[in-house]
N, C-alpha and C. Protein backbone atom coordinates (compact mmCIF):
# COMPACT_ATOMS: atom_id res chain seq x y z
N MET A 1 -172.48 32.23 -34.18
CA MET A 1 -172.80 33.37 -33.36
C MET A 1 -172.54 34.64 -34.16
N SER A 2 -173.44 35.59 -34.08
CA SER A 2 -173.27 36.84 -34.83
C SER A 2 -172.51 37.86 -34.00
N GLU A 3 -171.77 38.71 -34.69
CA GLU A 3 -171.04 39.78 -34.02
C GLU A 3 -171.92 41.00 -33.89
N THR A 4 -171.81 41.69 -32.77
CA THR A 4 -172.50 42.96 -32.58
C THR A 4 -171.47 44.00 -32.20
N SER A 5 -171.79 45.24 -32.48
CA SER A 5 -170.88 46.31 -32.10
C SER A 5 -171.62 47.32 -31.25
N LEU A 6 -170.89 47.96 -30.39
CA LEU A 6 -171.44 48.99 -29.53
C LEU A 6 -171.55 50.28 -30.31
N GLU A 7 -172.75 50.81 -30.40
CA GLU A 7 -172.96 52.05 -31.13
C GLU A 7 -173.00 53.26 -30.22
N PHE A 8 -173.46 53.09 -28.99
CA PHE A 8 -173.60 54.23 -28.09
C PHE A 8 -173.51 53.76 -26.65
N PHE A 9 -172.75 54.48 -25.85
CA PHE A 9 -172.63 54.19 -24.43
C PHE A 9 -172.78 55.49 -23.69
N SER A 10 -173.83 55.63 -22.93
CA SER A 10 -174.13 56.89 -22.26
C SER A 10 -173.24 57.11 -21.05
N GLY A 11 -173.15 56.14 -20.17
CA GLY A 11 -172.30 56.30 -19.01
C GLY A 11 -172.60 55.29 -17.94
N ILE A 12 -171.71 55.23 -16.98
CA ILE A 12 -171.86 54.34 -15.84
C ILE A 12 -171.14 54.98 -14.67
N LEU A 13 -171.68 54.81 -13.50
CA LEU A 13 -171.06 55.36 -12.29
C LEU A 13 -170.37 54.23 -11.54
N LEU A 14 -169.07 54.35 -11.39
CA LEU A 14 -168.29 53.36 -10.65
C LEU A 14 -167.72 54.01 -9.40
N VAL A 15 -167.81 53.32 -8.29
CA VAL A 15 -167.26 53.80 -7.03
C VAL A 15 -166.01 52.99 -6.72
N SER A 16 -164.93 53.67 -6.37
CA SER A 16 -163.67 52.98 -6.13
C SER A 16 -162.90 53.68 -5.02
N GLU A 17 -162.15 52.88 -4.26
CA GLU A 17 -161.25 53.47 -3.26
C GLU A 17 -160.04 54.10 -3.93
N ASN A 18 -159.77 53.75 -5.19
CA ASN A 18 -158.64 54.29 -5.94
C ASN A 18 -159.12 54.68 -7.34
N PRO A 19 -159.87 55.79 -7.45
CA PRO A 19 -160.46 56.15 -8.74
C PRO A 19 -159.44 56.47 -9.83
N GLU A 20 -158.26 56.99 -9.46
CA GLU A 20 -157.26 57.28 -10.47
C GLU A 20 -156.77 56.00 -11.14
N ARG A 21 -156.54 54.96 -10.35
CA ARG A 21 -156.09 53.68 -10.90
C ARG A 21 -157.17 53.06 -11.78
N LEU A 22 -158.41 53.13 -11.34
CA LEU A 22 -159.52 52.59 -12.12
C LEU A 22 -159.67 53.34 -13.45
N ALA A 23 -159.56 54.66 -13.41
CA ALA A 23 -159.66 55.46 -14.63
C ALA A 23 -158.52 55.13 -15.59
N THR A 24 -157.32 54.95 -15.06
CA THR A 24 -156.18 54.59 -15.91
C THR A 24 -156.44 53.27 -16.62
N PHE A 25 -156.98 52.29 -15.91
CA PHE A 25 -157.31 51.01 -16.53
C PHE A 25 -158.31 51.20 -17.67
N TYR A 26 -159.38 51.91 -17.42
CA TYR A 26 -160.40 52.09 -18.46
C TYR A 26 -159.87 52.87 -19.66
N ARG A 27 -159.01 53.85 -19.40
CA ARG A 27 -158.44 54.63 -20.51
C ARG A 27 -157.43 53.80 -21.31
N ASN A 28 -156.49 53.14 -20.61
CA ASN A 28 -155.37 52.48 -21.27
C ASN A 28 -155.69 51.08 -21.78
N VAL A 29 -156.43 50.31 -21.01
CA VAL A 29 -156.70 48.93 -21.40
C VAL A 29 -157.92 48.83 -22.31
N LEU A 30 -158.98 49.54 -21.96
CA LEU A 30 -160.21 49.47 -22.74
C LEU A 30 -160.36 50.60 -23.75
N ASP A 31 -159.43 51.56 -23.72
CA ASP A 31 -159.41 52.69 -24.65
C ASP A 31 -160.72 53.48 -24.64
N LEU A 32 -161.25 53.71 -23.42
CA LEU A 32 -162.48 54.49 -23.28
C LEU A 32 -162.14 55.93 -22.93
N PRO A 33 -162.73 56.87 -23.63
CA PRO A 33 -162.53 58.27 -23.26
C PRO A 33 -163.36 58.58 -22.01
N LEU A 34 -162.72 59.11 -21.00
CA LEU A 34 -163.41 59.39 -19.74
C LEU A 34 -163.38 60.87 -19.44
N GLU A 35 -164.44 61.34 -18.80
CA GLU A 35 -164.50 62.70 -18.30
C GLU A 35 -164.82 62.63 -16.82
N GLU A 36 -164.07 63.35 -16.01
CA GLU A 36 -164.28 63.32 -14.57
C GLU A 36 -165.58 64.03 -14.21
N GLU A 37 -166.33 63.43 -13.32
CA GLU A 37 -167.54 64.02 -12.75
C GLU A 37 -167.53 63.77 -11.26
N ARG A 38 -168.15 64.64 -10.53
CA ARG A 38 -168.26 64.48 -9.07
C ARG A 38 -169.73 64.29 -8.72
N HIS A 39 -169.99 63.30 -7.86
CA HIS A 39 -171.37 63.00 -7.49
C HIS A 39 -171.57 63.01 -5.98
N GLY A 40 -170.74 63.72 -5.27
CA GLY A 40 -170.88 63.79 -3.81
C GLY A 40 -170.54 62.48 -3.15
N ASP A 41 -171.20 62.21 -2.04
CA ASP A 41 -170.96 61.00 -1.27
C ASP A 41 -171.52 59.81 -2.02
N THR A 42 -170.64 58.92 -2.48
CA THR A 42 -171.09 57.76 -3.26
C THR A 42 -170.93 56.46 -2.49
N LEU A 43 -170.51 56.54 -1.23
CA LEU A 43 -170.36 55.32 -0.44
C LEU A 43 -171.73 54.81 -0.01
N PRO A 44 -171.92 53.49 -0.04
CA PRO A 44 -173.21 52.95 0.38
C PRO A 44 -173.44 53.15 1.87
N HIS A 45 -174.66 53.40 2.23
CA HIS A 45 -175.03 53.58 3.64
C HIS A 45 -175.91 52.41 4.04
N TRP A 46 -175.41 51.59 4.94
CA TRP A 46 -176.15 50.42 5.41
C TRP A 46 -176.81 50.77 6.72
N GLY A 47 -178.03 50.40 6.82
CA GLY A 47 -178.55 50.70 8.12
C GLY A 47 -179.95 50.66 8.34
């Protein structure tokens, strides 16, 4: 199996009931630099 490396990652939107805890995980465990953004109401609307 050949190894590949990540050259560029634009972004992903994650919704969480505890965004601070999720951000801490991504920063500390995965060593990803994060910048806070606000996207308004991100909860799914079923109906």
